[in-house]
Amino acid sequence: MEMSLVEIWQSMGFMARFVAVSLVVMGLSALAVSIERLLVLRRIGRESNLFAGKARALIDADEIDALVDLAKAMPRNPLARLTVVGLTTFEQNRRNTGLNAAEATRRELGRKLEEYSQEARRGMSLLASVGSTAPFIGLFGTVMGIITAFQGIASSGGGGIGAVSAGIAEALIVTAVGLAVAIAAVLIFNYLSGRFDRLDMSMQHSAGELLDYLEGGANGSGD
């Protein structure tokens, strides 16, 4: 006889219920992080394309002040922020005889690239934790459910496969929930990791182009 989810929930012990609720909360948390990071990636891509198109024309026209103003108008975009850091750091160190301006800019850009990469990957540790622990939490709930089922048999004096099959089936549902949560978390983690890796490569490429431009300008001005 098939049992509804409500009947299965009512027949679960306290520990099995606690584990099931924990897995649902973990799944919802992973879903929230996934949606939020996907929206962030979409916004970064849209703003970066817009900024890159306008910035290229300003760089070709040597309108650096306008480029800085454009970058500051996108304070949440890592490419725009990186551009501001590069331009301001280079300008601040141009007349510093103790340190080459381009080298100072390269170091600062490297630090900012790591910082922005960590900001973009915020919440990824939660996805990794959910993907790695959810199956074990589900297994724990299953073990506790089976123990509860056998305790019920011992107290009632019944036996046989028919007496334990329903309890074991209910307990195994927790493992199924844990596996479903873990599989979804791992898949979205791998997908987002690939997207963030491509974003990091794009940022590094942009930082290199900015350094080439600044070094060319410095050499051309005789610094």
N, C-alpha and C. Protein backbone atom coordinates (compact mmCIF):
# COMPACT_ATOMS: atom_id res chain seq x y z
N MET A 1 0.84 -1.19 0.00
CA MET A 1 0.00 0.00 0.00
C MET A 1 0.88 1.25 0.00
N GLU A 2 0.60 2.15 -0.92
CA GLU A 2 1.37 3.36 -1.01
C GLU A 2 0.99 4.33 0.10
N MET A 3 1.98 5.07 0.57
CA MET A 3 1.75 6.05 1.61
C MET A 3 2.02 7.44 1.05
N SER A 4 1.20 8.39 1.45
CA SER A 4 1.42 9.77 1.01
C SER A 4 2.57 10.37 1.81
N LEU A 5 3.03 11.54 1.33
CA LEU A 5 4.11 12.22 2.03
C LEU A 5 3.70 12.62 3.44
N VAL A 6 2.44 12.99 3.58
CA VAL A 6 1.95 13.37 4.92
C VAL A 6 2.00 12.18 5.85
N GLU A 7 1.56 11.01 5.37
CA GLU A 7 1.59 9.80 6.21
C GLU A 7 3.02 9.39 6.54
N ILE A 8 3.92 9.53 5.56
CA ILE A 8 5.32 9.20 5.81
C ILE A 8 5.91 10.13 6.86
N TRP A 9 5.58 11.42 6.74
CA TRP A 9 6.07 12.41 7.70
C TRP A 9 5.55 12.11 9.11
N GLN A 10 4.28 11.74 9.20
CA GLN A 10 3.69 11.46 10.51
C GLN A 10 4.27 10.21 11.14
N SER A 11 4.72 9.27 10.31
CA SER A 11 5.27 8.03 10.85
C SER A 11 6.75 8.13 11.19
N MET A 12 7.41 9.21 10.76
CA MET A 12 8.83 9.39 11.05
C MET A 12 9.05 9.71 12.52
N GLY A 13 10.22 9.26 13.01
CA GLY A 13 10.62 9.63 14.35
C GLY A 13 11.17 11.06 14.39
N PHE A 14 11.46 11.53 15.60
CA PHE A 14 11.93 12.91 15.76
C PHE A 14 13.24 13.14 15.02
N MET A 15 14.19 12.22 15.16
CA MET A 15 15.49 12.41 14.54
C MET A 15 15.39 12.40 13.02
N ALA A 16 14.57 11.50 12.46
CA ALA A 16 14.39 11.44 11.01
C ALA A 16 13.75 12.73 10.50
N ARG A 17 12.79 13.27 11.25
CA ARG A 17 12.17 14.54 10.87
C ARG A 17 13.19 15.67 10.90
N PHE A 18 13.99 15.68 11.95
CA PHE A 18 15.02 16.73 12.09
C PHE A 18 15.99 16.69 10.91
N VAL A 19 16.41 15.50 10.53
CA VAL A 19 17.34 15.36 9.40
C VAL A 19 16.67 15.79 8.10
N ALA A 20 15.41 15.39 7.90
CA ALA A 20 14.70 15.76 6.68
C ALA A 20 14.55 17.28 6.56
N VAL A 21 14.19 17.92 7.67
CA VAL A 21 14.05 19.38 7.66
C VAL A 21 15.40 20.04 7.39
N SER A 22 16.46 19.51 7.99
CA SER A 22 17.81 20.06 7.76
C SER A 22 18.20 19.96 6.29
N LEU A 23 17.88 18.85 5.66
CA LEU A 23 18.22 18.69 4.24
C LEU A 23 17.42 19.65 3.37
N VAL A 24 16.15 19.85 3.71
CA VAL A 24 15.34 20.79 2.94
C VAL A 24 15.89 22.21 3.08
N VAL A 25 16.28 22.59 4.29
CA VAL A 25 16.86 23.91 4.52
C VAL A 25 18.17 24.06 3.74
N MET A 26 19.00 23.02 3.76
CA MET A 26 20.25 23.05 3.00
C MET A 26 19.99 23.21 1.51
N GLY A 27 18.99 22.48 1.01
CA GLY A 27 18.65 22.58 -0.40
C GLY A 27 18.15 23.96 -0.79
N LEU A 28 17.31 24.54 0.05
CA LEU A 28 16.80 25.89 -0.23
C LEU A 28 17.92 26.93 -0.15
N SER A 29 18.84 26.76 0.79
CA SER A 29 19.98 27.68 0.90
C SER A 29 20.86 27.60 -0.34
N ALA A 30 21.13 26.38 -0.78
CA ALA A 30 21.94 26.20 -1.99
C ALA A 30 21.24 26.80 -3.21
N LEU A 31 19.91 26.64 -3.28
CA LEU A 31 19.15 27.21 -4.39
C LEU A 31 19.22 28.73 -4.37
N ALA A 32 19.09 29.32 -3.19
CA ALA A 32 19.15 30.78 -3.07
C ALA A 32 20.52 31.32 -3.50
N VAL A 33 21.58 30.66 -3.05
CA VAL A 33 22.93 31.08 -3.43
C VAL A 33 23.13 30.94 -4.94
N SER A 34 22.64 29.84 -5.50
CA SER A 34 22.80 29.60 -6.94
C SER A 34 22.12 30.69 -7.76
N ILE A 35 20.88 31.01 -7.40
CA ILE A 35 20.14 32.03 -8.15
C ILE A 35 20.82 33.39 -8.00
N GLU A 36 21.25 33.72 -6.77
CA GLU A 36 21.89 35.01 -6.54
C GLU A 36 23.20 35.14 -7.32
N ARG A 37 24.00 34.08 -7.34
CA ARG A 37 25.28 34.13 -8.08
C ARG A 37 25.05 34.18 -9.59
N LEU A 38 24.03 33.48 -10.07
CA LEU A 38 23.71 33.53 -11.50
C LEU A 38 23.29 34.94 -11.91
N LEU A 39 22.50 35.60 -11.06
CA LEU A 39 22.10 36.98 -11.35
C LEU A 39 23.31 37.91 -11.32
N VAL A 40 24.23 37.68 -10.38
CA VAL A 40 25.44 38.50 -10.32
C VAL A 40 26.28 38.32 -11.58
N LEU A 41 26.44 37.08 -12.02
CA LEU A 41 27.21 36.82 -13.24
C LEU A 41 26.55 37.48 -14.45
N ARG A 42 25.24 37.43 -14.50
CA ARG A 42 24.53 38.06 -15.62
C ARG A 42 24.74 39.57 -15.61
N ARG A 43 24.66 40.16 -14.42
CA ARG A 43 24.86 41.62 -14.31
C ARG A 43 26.30 42.00 -14.67
N ILE A 44 27.27 41.23 -14.18
CA ILE A 44 28.67 41.52 -14.48
C ILE A 44 28.92 41.44 -15.98
N GLY A 45 28.39 40.41 -16.62
CA GLY A 45 28.58 40.26 -18.05
C GLY A 45 27.97 41.40 -18.84
N ARG A 46 26.76 41.79 -18.47
CA ARG A 46 26.09 42.88 -19.18
C ARG A 46 26.84 44.21 -18.99
N GLU A 47 27.20 44.53 -17.76
CA GLU A 47 27.90 45.78 -17.49
C GLU A 47 29.30 45.79 -18.09
N SER A 48 29.98 44.65 -18.05
CA SER A 48 31.34 44.58 -18.60
C SER A 48 31.34 44.81 -20.10
N ASN A 49 30.38 44.22 -20.79
CA ASN A 49 30.30 44.44 -22.24
C ASN A 49 30.04 45.91 -22.56
N LEU A 50 29.15 46.53 -21.78
CA LEU A 50 28.86 47.94 -21.99
C LEU A 50 30.08 48.80 -21.69
N PHE A 51 30.75 48.50 -20.58
CA PHE A 51 31.93 49.29 -20.21
C PHE A 51 33.06 49.12 -21.21
N ALA A 52 33.31 47.87 -21.62
CA ALA A 52 34.42 47.61 -22.54
C ALA A 52 34.22 48.34 -23.86
N GLY A 53 32.98 48.36 -24.36
CA GLY A 53 32.72 49.04 -25.62
C GLY A 53 32.99 50.54 -25.55
N LYS A 54 32.56 51.17 -24.45
CA LYS A 54 32.78 52.60 -24.30
C LYS A 54 34.24 52.91 -23.93
N ALA A 55 34.84 52.05 -23.11
CA ALA A 55 36.21 52.29 -22.66
C ALA A 55 37.18 52.23 -23.83
N ARG A 56 36.97 51.33 -24.76
CA ARG A 56 37.88 51.21 -25.91
C ARG A 56 37.95 52.51 -26.69
N ALA A 57 36.79 53.12 -26.92
CA ALA A 57 36.78 54.38 -27.66
C ALA A 57 37.47 55.49 -26.88
N LEU A 58 37.28 55.52 -25.57
CA LEU A 58 37.92 56.56 -24.75
C LEU A 58 39.44 56.37 -24.70
N ILE A 59 39.89 55.14 -24.64
CA ILE A 59 41.32 54.88 -24.62
C ILE A 59 41.95 55.28 -25.94
N ASP A 60 41.30 54.95 -27.05
CA ASP A 60 41.82 55.33 -28.35
C ASP A 60 41.90 56.84 -28.50
N ALA A 61 40.96 57.55 -27.86
CA ALA A 61 40.95 59.02 -27.93
C ALA A 61 41.81 59.65 -26.84
N ASP A 62 42.43 58.83 -25.99
CA ASP A 62 43.27 59.31 -24.89
C ASP A 62 42.50 60.19 -23.90
N GLU A 63 41.24 59.89 -23.70
CA GLU A 63 40.42 60.64 -22.75
C GLU A 63 40.37 59.87 -21.43
N ILE A 64 41.45 59.95 -20.66
CA ILE A 64 41.58 59.17 -19.45
C ILE A 64 40.62 59.64 -18.36
N ASP A 65 40.45 60.94 -18.23
CA ASP A 65 39.53 61.45 -17.21
C ASP A 65 38.10 60.96 -17.46
N ALA A 66 37.70 60.96 -18.71
CA ALA A 66 36.37 60.46 -19.05
C ALA A 66 36.26 58.96 -18.78
N LEU A 67 37.36 58.24 -19.00
CA LEU A 67 37.38 56.80 -18.72
C LEU A 67 37.22 56.54 -17.23
N VAL A 68 37.91 57.34 -16.41
CA VAL A 68 37.77 57.18 -14.96
C VAL A 68 36.35 57.48 -14.51
N ASP A 69 35.76 58.52 -15.06
CA ASP A 69 34.37 58.86 -14.72
C ASP A 69 33.42 57.74 -15.12
N LEU A 70 33.65 57.15 -16.29
CA LEU A 70 32.82 56.05 -16.76
C LEU A 70 32.94 54.85 -15.83
N ALA A 71 34.18 54.55 -15.40
CA ALA A 71 34.40 53.40 -14.52
C ALA A 71 33.76 53.62 -13.16
N LYS A 72 33.87 54.85 -12.65
CA LYS A 72 33.29 55.14 -11.33
C LYS A 72 31.76 55.10 -11.36
N ALA A 73 31.18 55.23 -12.54
CA ALA A 73 29.72 55.16 -12.65
C ALA A 73 29.22 53.72 -12.54
N MET A 74 30.14 52.74 -12.54
CA MET A 74 29.77 51.33 -12.38
C MET A 74 30.51 50.76 -11.17
N PRO A 75 30.17 51.20 -9.96
CA PRO A 75 30.95 50.83 -8.78
C PRO A 75 30.88 49.35 -8.41
N ARG A 76 29.89 48.61 -8.93
CA ARG A 76 29.77 47.19 -8.58
C ARG A 76 30.41 46.28 -9.62
N ASN A 77 30.86 46.84 -10.72
CA ASN A 77 31.44 46.02 -11.78
C ASN A 77 32.93 45.83 -11.55
N PRO A 78 33.42 44.60 -11.49
CA PRO A 78 34.84 44.38 -11.20
C PRO A 78 35.77 44.92 -12.28
N LEU A 79 35.36 44.88 -13.55
CA LEU A 79 36.20 45.40 -14.61
C LEU A 79 36.36 46.91 -14.49
N ALA A 80 35.29 47.61 -14.20
CA ALA A 80 35.35 49.05 -14.01
C ALA A 80 36.19 49.40 -12.79
N ARG A 81 36.00 48.67 -11.70
CA ARG A 81 36.78 48.92 -10.49
C ARG A 81 38.26 48.66 -10.74
N LEU A 82 38.56 47.62 -11.49
CA LEU A 82 39.96 47.30 -11.79
C LEU A 82 40.59 48.41 -12.63
N THR A 83 39.81 48.98 -13.53
CA THR A 83 40.32 50.06 -14.37
C THR A 83 40.66 51.29 -13.52
N VAL A 84 39.78 51.63 -12.59
CA VAL A 84 40.03 52.77 -11.71
C VAL A 84 41.29 52.54 -10.88
N VAL A 85 41.43 51.33 -10.34
CA VAL A 85 42.61 51.00 -9.53
C VAL A 85 43.89 51.13 -10.35
N GLY A 86 43.87 50.59 -11.58
CA GLY A 86 45.06 50.66 -12.42
C GLY A 86 45.45 52.09 -12.77
N LEU A 87 44.47 52.87 -13.19
CA LEU A 87 44.77 54.25 -13.61
C LEU A 87 45.23 55.11 -12.43
N THR A 88 44.55 54.99 -11.30
CA THR A 88 44.91 55.82 -10.15
C THR A 88 46.26 55.41 -9.56
N THR A 89 46.51 54.10 -9.48
CA THR A 89 47.79 53.63 -8.94
C THR A 89 48.95 54.06 -9.82
N PHE A 90 48.76 53.96 -11.13
CA PHE A 90 49.83 54.37 -12.05
C PHE A 90 50.10 55.87 -11.92
N GLU A 91 49.05 56.65 -11.85
CA GLU A 91 49.22 58.10 -11.76
C GLU A 91 49.90 58.50 -10.45
N GLN A 92 49.54 57.83 -9.37
CA GLN A 92 50.13 58.16 -8.07
C GLN A 92 51.61 57.81 -7.99
N ASN A 93 52.06 56.86 -8.78
CA ASN A 93 53.45 56.40 -8.71
C ASN A 93 54.31 56.86 -9.88
N ARG A 94 53.78 57.69 -10.74
CA ARG A 94 54.55 58.11 -11.91
C ARG A 94 55.81 58.88 -11.52
N ARG A 95 55.72 59.68 -10.47
CA ARG A 95 56.85 60.50 -10.07
C ARG A 95 57.57 59.94 -8.84
N ASN A 96 57.28 58.68 -8.53
CA ASN A 96 57.96 58.00 -7.43
C ASN A 96 59.24 57.36 -7.94
N THR A 97 60.36 57.94 -7.59
CA THR A 97 61.64 57.46 -8.13
C THR A 97 62.04 56.13 -7.51
N GLY A 98 61.46 55.78 -6.37
CA GLY A 98 61.86 54.55 -5.71
C GLY A 98 61.21 53.30 -6.28
N LEU A 99 60.11 53.44 -7.04
CA LEU A 99 59.39 52.28 -7.56
C LEU A 99 58.81 52.62 -8.92
N ASN A 100 59.04 51.73 -9.88
CA ASN A 100 58.50 51.92 -11.22
C ASN A 100 56.97 51.92 -11.17
N ALA A 101 56.37 52.90 -11.84
CA ALA A 101 54.92 53.05 -11.79
C ALA A 101 54.21 51.82 -12.35
N ALA A 102 54.72 51.28 -13.44
CA ALA A 102 54.08 50.10 -14.04
C ALA A 102 54.17 48.89 -13.11
N GLU A 103 55.32 48.73 -12.44
CA GLU A 103 55.47 47.61 -11.52
C GLU A 103 54.54 47.75 -10.31
N ALA A 104 54.43 48.97 -9.79
CA ALA A 104 53.50 49.21 -8.68
C ALA A 104 52.07 48.92 -9.10
N THR A 105 51.72 49.32 -10.31
CA THR A 105 50.36 49.06 -10.81
C THR A 105 50.12 47.57 -10.99
N ARG A 106 51.13 46.86 -11.48
CA ARG A 106 50.99 45.41 -11.67
C ARG A 106 50.73 44.71 -10.33
N ARG A 107 51.46 45.10 -9.32
CA ARG A 107 51.28 44.48 -8.01
C ARG A 107 49.88 44.78 -7.45
N GLU A 108 49.46 46.02 -7.57
CA GLU A 108 48.15 46.40 -7.04
C GLU A 108 47.03 45.70 -7.80
N LEU A 109 47.17 45.60 -9.12
CA LEU A 109 46.16 44.90 -9.91
C LEU A 109 46.09 43.43 -9.54
N GLY A 110 47.25 42.82 -9.27
CA GLY A 110 47.26 41.42 -8.86
C GLY A 110 46.51 41.20 -7.56
N ARG A 111 46.73 42.12 -6.61
CA ARG A 111 46.00 42.01 -5.34
C ARG A 111 44.50 42.19 -5.54
N LYS A 112 44.13 43.16 -6.36
CA LYS A 112 42.72 43.41 -6.58
C LYS A 112 42.05 42.28 -7.35
N LEU A 113 42.78 41.66 -8.26
CA LEU A 113 42.21 40.53 -8.99
C LEU A 113 41.83 39.40 -8.03
N GLU A 114 42.70 39.12 -7.06
CA GLU A 114 42.39 38.09 -6.08
C GLU A 114 41.19 38.50 -5.21
N GLU A 115 41.16 39.77 -4.83
CA GLU A 115 40.06 40.26 -4.00
C GLU A 115 38.72 40.17 -4.73
N TYR A 116 38.70 40.61 -5.99
CA TYR A 116 37.45 40.60 -6.75
C TYR A 116 37.01 39.18 -7.07
N SER A 117 37.98 38.29 -7.26
CA SER A 117 37.64 36.89 -7.51
C SER A 117 36.96 36.27 -6.30
N GLN A 118 37.46 36.58 -5.11
CA GLN A 118 36.84 36.07 -3.89
C GLN A 118 35.45 36.66 -3.69
N GLU A 119 35.29 37.94 -4.02
CA GLU A 119 33.97 38.56 -3.90
C GLU A 119 32.97 37.88 -4.84
N ALA A 120 33.40 37.61 -6.06
CA ALA A 120 32.50 37.00 -7.04
C ALA A 120 32.09 35.59 -6.62
N ARG A 121 32.98 34.88 -5.93
CA ARG A 121 32.71 33.49 -5.54
C ARG A 121 32.07 33.39 -4.16
N ARG A 122 31.57 34.49 -3.63
CA ARG A 122 30.93 34.46 -2.33
C ARG A 122 29.74 33.50 -2.34
N GLY A 123 29.68 32.63 -1.35
CA GLY A 123 28.61 31.65 -1.26
C GLY A 123 28.95 30.31 -1.88
N MET A 124 30.04 30.24 -2.64
CA MET A 124 30.40 28.97 -3.27
C MET A 124 30.80 27.92 -2.24
N SER A 125 31.37 28.35 -1.12
CA SER A 125 31.74 27.40 -0.07
C SER A 125 30.50 26.70 0.49
N LEU A 126 29.38 27.43 0.55
CA LEU A 126 28.14 26.80 1.02
C LEU A 126 27.69 25.70 0.06
N LEU A 127 27.78 25.99 -1.24
CA LEU A 127 27.41 24.97 -2.22
C LEU A 127 28.30 23.74 -2.10
N ALA A 128 29.60 23.97 -1.91
CA ALA A 128 30.53 22.85 -1.77
C ALA A 128 30.22 22.05 -0.51
N SER A 129 29.89 22.73 0.57
CA SER A 129 29.58 22.05 1.82
C SER A 129 28.30 21.22 1.69
N VAL A 130 27.28 21.80 1.05
CA VAL A 130 26.03 21.07 0.86
C VAL A 130 26.26 19.84 -0.01
N GLY A 131 27.01 20.01 -1.09
CA GLY A 131 27.25 18.88 -1.99
C GLY A 131 28.03 17.75 -1.35
N SER A 132 28.91 18.08 -0.41
CA SER A 132 29.75 17.04 0.20
C SER A 132 29.13 16.41 1.45
N THR A 133 28.27 17.15 2.15
CA THR A 133 27.74 16.63 3.42
C THR A 133 26.31 16.11 3.33
N ALA A 134 25.53 16.57 2.37
CA ALA A 134 24.12 16.16 2.30
C ALA A 134 23.94 14.63 2.22
N PRO A 135 24.73 13.89 1.43
CA PRO A 135 24.53 12.43 1.40
C PRO A 135 24.77 11.78 2.76
N PHE A 136 25.76 12.28 3.49
CA PHE A 136 26.06 11.68 4.80
C PHE A 136 24.98 12.02 5.83
N ILE A 137 24.45 13.25 5.73
CA ILE A 137 23.36 13.61 6.64
C ILE A 137 22.13 12.75 6.34
N GLY A 138 21.86 12.54 5.04
CA GLY A 138 20.75 11.66 4.67
C GLY A 138 20.96 10.24 5.15
N LEU A 139 22.19 9.75 5.04
CA LEU A 139 22.50 8.39 5.52
C LEU A 139 22.33 8.30 7.03
N PHE A 140 22.73 9.35 7.74
CA PHE A 140 22.54 9.38 9.18
C PHE A 140 21.05 9.28 9.53
N GLY A 141 20.22 10.03 8.81
CA GLY A 141 18.79 9.97 9.05
C GLY A 141 18.23 8.59 8.77
N THR A 142 18.74 7.95 7.72
CA THR A 142 18.28 6.60 7.39
C THR A 142 18.64 5.61 8.49
N VAL A 143 19.88 5.69 8.97
CA VAL A 143 20.31 4.79 10.03
C VAL A 143 19.44 4.97 11.28
N MET A 144 19.18 6.24 11.63
CA MET A 144 18.35 6.49 12.80
C MET A 144 16.92 5.99 12.58
N GLY A 145 16.40 6.12 11.34
CA GLY A 145 15.07 5.63 11.04
C GLY A 145 14.98 4.11 11.15
N ILE A 146 16.01 3.43 10.68
CA ILE A 146 16.02 1.96 10.76
C ILE A 146 16.11 1.52 12.21
N ILE A 147 16.94 2.21 12.99
CA ILE A 147 17.03 1.87 14.42
C ILE A 147 15.66 2.03 15.08
N THR A 148 14.97 3.13 14.74
CA THR A 148 13.65 3.36 15.32
C THR A 148 12.67 2.27 14.91
N ALA A 149 12.76 1.83 13.63
CA ALA A 149 11.86 0.77 13.15
C ALA A 149 12.10 -0.52 13.91
N PHE A 150 13.35 -0.89 14.11
CA PHE A 150 13.65 -2.13 14.83
C PHE A 150 13.29 -2.02 16.30
N GLN A 151 13.42 -0.83 16.87
CA GLN A 151 13.01 -0.66 18.26
C GLN A 151 11.50 -0.86 18.40
N GLY A 152 10.74 -0.38 17.39
CA GLY A 152 9.30 -0.58 17.41
C GLY A 152 8.93 -2.06 17.31
N ILE A 153 9.68 -2.79 16.48
CA ILE A 153 9.43 -4.23 16.36
C ILE A 153 9.73 -4.94 17.67
N ALA A 154 10.84 -4.54 18.31
CA ALA A 154 11.22 -5.20 19.57
C ALA A 154 10.20 -4.93 20.66
N SER A 155 9.68 -3.70 20.68
CA SER A 155 8.72 -3.38 21.73
C SER A 155 7.36 -4.04 21.52
N SER A 156 7.00 -4.27 20.23
CA SER A 156 5.69 -4.88 19.94
C SER A 156 5.76 -6.39 19.86
N GLY A 157 6.97 -6.93 19.71
CA GLY A 157 7.12 -8.37 19.65
C GLY A 157 6.85 -8.95 18.29
N GLY A 158 6.64 -8.09 17.26
CA GLY A 158 6.38 -8.57 15.91
C GLY A 158 7.67 -8.90 15.18
N GLY A 159 7.58 -9.41 13.99
CA GLY A 159 8.77 -9.73 13.20
C GLY A 159 8.41 -9.96 11.76
N GLY A 160 9.41 -10.37 10.95
CA GLY A 160 9.19 -10.63 9.55
C GLY A 160 9.44 -9.42 8.69
N ILE A 161 9.62 -9.66 7.38
CA ILE A 161 9.92 -8.57 6.45
C ILE A 161 8.78 -7.59 6.35
N GLY A 162 7.56 -8.07 6.47
CA GLY A 162 6.42 -7.17 6.38
C GLY A 162 6.38 -6.16 7.51
N ALA A 163 6.91 -6.54 8.65
CA ALA A 163 6.88 -5.65 9.80
C ALA A 163 7.92 -4.55 9.71
N VAL A 164 9.02 -4.83 8.98
CA VAL A 164 10.11 -3.84 8.92
C VAL A 164 10.16 -3.09 7.60
N SER A 165 9.49 -3.58 6.56
CA SER A 165 9.63 -2.97 5.23
C SER A 165 9.13 -1.54 5.19
N ALA A 166 8.01 -1.26 5.84
CA ALA A 166 7.47 0.09 5.82
C ALA A 166 8.40 1.07 6.52
N GLY A 167 8.92 0.65 7.68
CA GLY A 167 9.83 1.53 8.42
C GLY A 167 11.12 1.78 7.66
N ILE A 168 11.65 0.73 7.02
CA ILE A 168 12.89 0.89 6.25
C ILE A 168 12.65 1.79 5.04
N ALA A 169 11.51 1.63 4.38
CA ALA A 169 11.19 2.47 3.22
C ALA A 169 11.11 3.94 3.62
N GLU A 170 10.48 4.20 4.76
CA GLU A 170 10.39 5.58 5.25
C GLU A 170 11.77 6.14 5.55
N ALA A 171 12.63 5.31 6.15
CA ALA A 171 13.97 5.76 6.50
C ALA A 171 14.80 6.05 5.25
N LEU A 172 14.64 5.23 4.22
CA LEU A 172 15.44 5.42 3.00
C LEU A 172 15.07 6.69 2.25
N ILE A 173 13.87 7.21 2.49
CA ILE A 173 13.47 8.46 1.84
C ILE A 173 14.43 9.59 2.20
N VAL A 174 14.92 9.59 3.43
CA VAL A 174 15.84 10.63 3.87
C VAL A 174 17.14 10.56 3.07
N THR A 175 17.62 9.36 2.81
CA THR A 175 18.81 9.21 1.97
C THR A 175 18.56 9.72 0.56
N ALA A 176 17.38 9.42 0.03
CA ALA A 176 17.04 9.90 -1.32
C ALA A 176 17.03 11.42 -1.36
N VAL A 177 16.47 12.05 -0.33
CA VAL A 177 16.46 13.52 -0.29
C VAL A 177 17.88 14.06 -0.21
N GLY A 178 18.72 13.43 0.62
CA GLY A 178 20.11 13.88 0.74
C GLY A 178 20.86 13.76 -0.57
N LEU A 179 20.65 12.67 -1.30
CA LEU A 179 21.32 12.49 -2.59
C LEU A 179 20.83 13.52 -3.60
N ALA A 180 19.52 13.78 -3.62
CA ALA A 180 18.98 14.76 -4.56
C ALA A 180 19.56 16.15 -4.30
N VAL A 181 19.62 16.54 -3.03
CA VAL A 181 20.18 17.85 -2.68
C VAL A 181 21.65 17.91 -3.06
N ALA A 182 22.39 16.85 -2.76
CA ALA A 182 23.83 16.85 -3.04
C ALA A 182 24.10 16.89 -4.55
N ILE A 183 23.39 16.11 -5.32
CA ILE A 183 23.61 16.09 -6.77
C ILE A 183 23.35 17.46 -7.39
N ALA A 184 22.24 18.09 -6.98
CA ALA A 184 21.91 19.41 -7.50
C ALA A 184 22.98 20.43 -7.10
N ALA A 185 23.45 20.36 -5.84
CA ALA A 185 24.46 21.32 -5.37
C ALA A 185 25.78 21.14 -6.11
N VAL A 186 26.18 19.90 -6.33
CA VAL A 186 27.46 19.64 -7.03
C VAL A 186 27.38 20.11 -8.47
N LEU A 187 26.27 19.84 -9.14
CA LEU A 187 26.13 20.25 -10.54
C LEU A 187 26.19 21.76 -10.68
N ILE A 188 25.46 22.48 -9.85
CA ILE A 188 25.47 23.94 -9.96
C ILE A 188 26.81 24.51 -9.51
N PHE A 189 27.47 23.86 -8.54
CA PHE A 189 28.80 24.31 -8.12
C PHE A 189 29.80 24.20 -9.26
N ASN A 190 29.78 23.08 -9.97
CA ASN A 190 30.70 22.90 -11.09
C ASN A 190 30.40 23.89 -12.21
N TYR A 191 29.13 24.14 -12.47
CA TYR A 191 28.77 25.09 -13.52
C TYR A 191 29.22 26.50 -13.16
N LEU A 192 28.94 26.92 -11.93
CA LEU A 192 29.34 28.25 -11.51
C LEU A 192 30.85 28.39 -11.45
N SER A 193 31.54 27.34 -11.02
CA SER A 193 33.01 27.39 -10.98
C SER A 193 33.58 27.63 -12.37
N GLY A 194 33.01 26.97 -13.37
CA GLY A 194 33.47 27.21 -14.74
C GLY A 194 33.22 28.63 -15.19
N ARG A 195 32.06 29.17 -14.83
CA ARG A 195 31.75 30.56 -15.20
C ARG A 195 32.71 31.53 -14.51
N PHE A 196 33.00 31.29 -13.24
CA PHE A 196 33.90 32.18 -12.50
C PHE A 196 35.33 32.06 -13.01
N ASP A 197 35.74 30.86 -13.42
CA ASP A 197 37.07 30.69 -14.00
C ASP A 197 37.21 31.51 -15.28
N ARG A 198 36.16 31.49 -16.11
CA ARG A 198 36.20 32.29 -17.34
C ARG A 198 36.22 33.78 -17.02
N LEU A 199 35.49 34.17 -15.97
CA LEU A 199 35.49 35.58 -15.55
C LEU A 199 36.88 35.98 -15.08
N ASP A 200 37.55 35.12 -14.31
CA ASP A 200 38.90 35.41 -13.84
C ASP A 200 39.87 35.59 -15.01
N MET A 201 39.76 34.71 -16.00
CA MET A 201 40.64 34.82 -17.18
C MET A 201 40.39 36.10 -17.93
N SER A 202 39.11 36.48 -18.05
CA SER A 202 38.78 37.72 -18.74
C SER A 202 39.32 38.93 -17.99
N MET A 203 39.23 38.91 -16.65
CA MET A 203 39.74 40.01 -15.85
C MET A 203 41.26 40.11 -15.95
N GLN A 204 41.94 38.97 -15.93
CA GLN A 204 43.40 38.97 -16.06
C GLN A 204 43.82 39.51 -17.43
N HIS A 205 43.08 39.12 -18.45
CA HIS A 205 43.38 39.62 -19.79
C HIS A 205 43.18 41.13 -19.86
N SER A 206 42.10 41.62 -19.27
CA SER A 206 41.84 43.06 -19.27
C SER A 206 42.91 43.81 -18.48
N ALA A 207 43.34 43.25 -17.35
CA ALA A 207 44.39 43.88 -16.56
C ALA A 207 45.70 43.94 -17.35
N GLY A 208 45.99 42.89 -18.10
CA GLY A 208 47.19 42.90 -18.94
C GLY A 208 47.12 43.95 -20.03
N GLU A 209 45.96 44.09 -20.66
CA GLU A 209 45.81 45.13 -21.69
C GLU A 209 45.95 46.53 -21.10
N LEU A 210 45.41 46.73 -19.90
CA LEU A 210 45.54 48.04 -19.25
C LEU A 210 46.99 48.35 -18.93
N LEU A 211 47.73 47.36 -18.45
CA LEU A 211 49.14 47.56 -18.16
C LEU A 211 49.93 47.87 -19.44
N ASP A 212 49.62 47.17 -20.52
CA ASP A 212 50.29 47.45 -21.79
C ASP A 212 50.05 48.89 -22.23
N TYR A 213 48.82 49.35 -22.06
CA TYR A 213 48.49 50.73 -22.43
C TYR A 213 49.24 51.72 -21.54
N LEU A 214 49.26 51.46 -20.24
CA LEU A 214 49.93 52.39 -19.33
C LEU A 214 51.45 52.40 -19.55
N GLU A 215 52.04 51.25 -19.78
CA GLU A 215 53.47 51.20 -20.04
C GLU A 215 53.83 51.87 -21.35
N GLY A 216 52.95 51.70 -22.36
CA GLY A 216 53.20 52.37 -23.62
C GLY A 216 53.11 53.86 -23.48
N GLY A 217 52.13 54.34 -22.69
CA GLY A 217 52.02 55.79 -22.46
C GLY A 217 53.19 56.33 -21.69
N ALA A 218 53.66 55.54 -20.70
CA ALA A 218 54.79 55.99 -19.92
C ALA A 218 56.04 56.07 -20.74
N ASN A 219 56.25 55.05 -21.58
CA ASN A 219 57.44 55.06 -22.43
C ASN A 219 57.37 56.20 -23.44
N GLY A 220 56.14 56.42 -23.92
CA GLY A 220 56.00 57.48 -24.91
C GLY A 220 56.22 58.85 -24.34
N SER A 221 55.97 59.01 -23.00
CA SER A 221 56.14 60.33 -22.40
C SER A 221 57.52 60.54 -21.84
N GLY A 222 58.35 59.46 -21.94
CA GLY A 222 59.72 59.59 -21.54
C GLY A 222 59.96 59.32 -20.07
N ASP A 223 58.96 58.79 -19.30
CA ASP A 223 59.15 58.48 -17.88
C ASP A 223 60.00 57.23 -17.71
